[in-house]
Amino acid sequence: MQDPCLVLAGPTHAVVVQVDFTPKEAGKSDGILDIGFCKMKVTVAWSLISCEKLNV
C-alpha cells in the first residue's frame, strides 16, 4: 500500500477541503481542516477596514 502523502503530492492528484469562517467585526475564528490523513488547525484574525475617506 502506498503512503497517501506520496499519492496526493503527485501532479495529477489534488485534495480540496472547504471550511467556512463566519466573518466577525473583530476577533478570531478557529477551524480544523481534516483531509483524511492529517488535520490542521486554522485561525483567521478579523478587523474592520473603513471604506470612508479620512480627512487627514
C-alpha atoms as a PDB file:
ATOM      1  CA  MET A   1       0.000   0.000   0.000  1.00  0.00           C
ATOM      2  CA  GLN A   2       1.318   3.453  -0.937  1.00  0.00           C
ATOM      3  CA  ASP A   3       1.746   6.279   1.538  1.00  0.00           C
ATOM      4  CA  PRO A   4      -1.225   8.687   0.966  1.00  0.00           C
ATOM      5  CA  CYS A   5       1.118  11.696   1.219  1.00  0.00           C
ATOM      6  CA  LEU A   6       3.044  10.489  -1.828  1.00  0.00           C
ATOM      7  CA  VAL A   7      -0.093   9.818  -3.871  1.00  0.00           C
ATOM      8  CA  LEU A   8      -1.682  13.179  -3.030  1.00  0.00           C
ATOM      9  CA  ALA A   9       1.542  15.028  -3.837  1.00  0.00           C
ATOM     10  CA  GLY A  10       1.545  13.800  -7.453  1.00  0.00           C
ATOM     11  CA  PRO A  11       0.928  16.115 -10.430  1.00  0.00           C
ATOM     12  CA  THR A  12      -2.462  14.525 -11.225  1.00  0.00           C
ATOM     13  CA  HIS A  13      -3.875  14.383  -7.684  1.00  0.00           C
ATOM     14  CA  ALA A  14      -5.337  17.114  -5.521  1.00  0.00           C
ATOM     15  CA  VAL A  15      -7.170  17.432  -2.234  1.00  0.00           C
ATOM     16  CA  VAL A  16      -9.829  20.104  -1.862  1.00  0.00           C
ATOM     17  CA  VAL A  17     -11.250  20.918   1.559  1.00  0.00           C
ATOM     18  CA  GLN A  18     -13.507  23.832   2.400  1.00  0.00           C
ATOM     19  CA  VAL A  19     -14.178  25.300   5.835  1.00  0.00           C
ATOM     20  CA  ASP A  20     -16.476  28.282   6.363  1.00  0.00           C
ATOM     21  CA  PHE A  21     -15.422  31.016   8.765  1.00  0.00           C
ATOM     22  CA  THR A  22     -18.197  33.382   9.831  1.00  0.00           C
ATOM     23  CA  PRO A  23     -16.903  36.963   9.438  1.00  0.00           C
ATOM     24  CA  LYS A  24     -16.636  38.979  12.637  1.00  0.00           C
ATOM     25  CA  GLU A  25     -16.143  42.714  13.202  1.00  0.00           C
ATOM     26  CA  ALA A  26     -13.063  41.905  15.263  1.00  0.00           C
ATOM     27  CA  GLY A  27     -11.504  38.894  16.916  1.00  0.00           C
ATOM     28  CA  LYS A  28     -10.560  35.410  15.791  1.00  0.00           C
ATOM     29  CA  SER A  29     -12.278  32.397  14.240  1.00  0.00           C
ATOM     30  CA  ASP A  30     -10.824  28.902  14.571  1.00  0.00           C
ATOM     31  CA  GLY A  31     -11.415  25.837  12.444  1.00  0.00           C
ATOM     32  CA  ILE A  32      -9.987  22.397  11.691  1.00  0.00           C
ATOM     33  CA  LEU A  33      -9.141  21.256   8.156  1.00  0.00           C
ATOM     34  CA  ASP A  34      -9.407  17.453   8.029  1.00  0.00           C
ATOM     35  CA  ILE A  35      -8.135  15.997   4.746  1.00  0.00           C
ATOM     36  CA  GLY A  36      -8.196  12.393   5.887  1.00  0.00           C
ATOM     37  CA  PHE A  37      -4.548  11.618   6.534  1.00  0.00           C
ATOM     38  CA  CYS A  38      -3.876  14.764   8.601  1.00  0.00           C
ATOM     39  CA  LYS A  39      -5.627  17.627  10.391  1.00  0.00           C
ATOM     40  CA  MET A  40      -4.588  21.280  10.504  1.00  0.00           C
ATOM     41  CA  LYS A  41      -5.833  23.981  12.880  1.00  0.00           C
ATOM     42  CA  VAL A  42      -6.510  27.309  11.139  1.00  0.00           C
ATOM     43  CA  THR A  43      -7.003  30.661  12.864  1.00  0.00           C
ATOM     44  CA  VAL A  44      -8.359  33.693  10.991  1.00  0.00           C
ATOM     45  CA  ALA A  45      -7.984  37.145  12.589  1.00  0.00           C
ATOM     46  CA  TRP A  46     -10.654  39.726  11.743  1.00  0.00           C
ATOM     47  CA  SER A  47     -10.605  43.523  11.895  1.00  0.00           C
ATOM     48  CA  LEU A  48     -12.695  46.264  10.338  1.00  0.00           C
ATOM     49  CA  ILE A  49     -11.386  48.277   7.408  1.00  0.00           C
ATOM     50  CA  SER A  50     -13.064  51.593   6.754  1.00  0.00           C
ATOM     51  CA  CYS A  51     -14.335  52.317   3.252  1.00  0.00           C
ATOM     52  CA  GLU A  52     -14.729  56.008   4.104  1.00  0.00           C
ATOM     53  CA  LYS A  53     -12.085  58.519   3.064  1.00  0.00           C
ATOM     54  CA  LEU A  54     -10.460  60.153   6.085  1.00  0.00           C
ATOM     55  CA  ASN A  55      -9.579  63.854   6.147  1.00  0.00           C
ATOM     56  CA  VAL A  56      -6.027  63.998   7.445  1.00  0.00           C
END
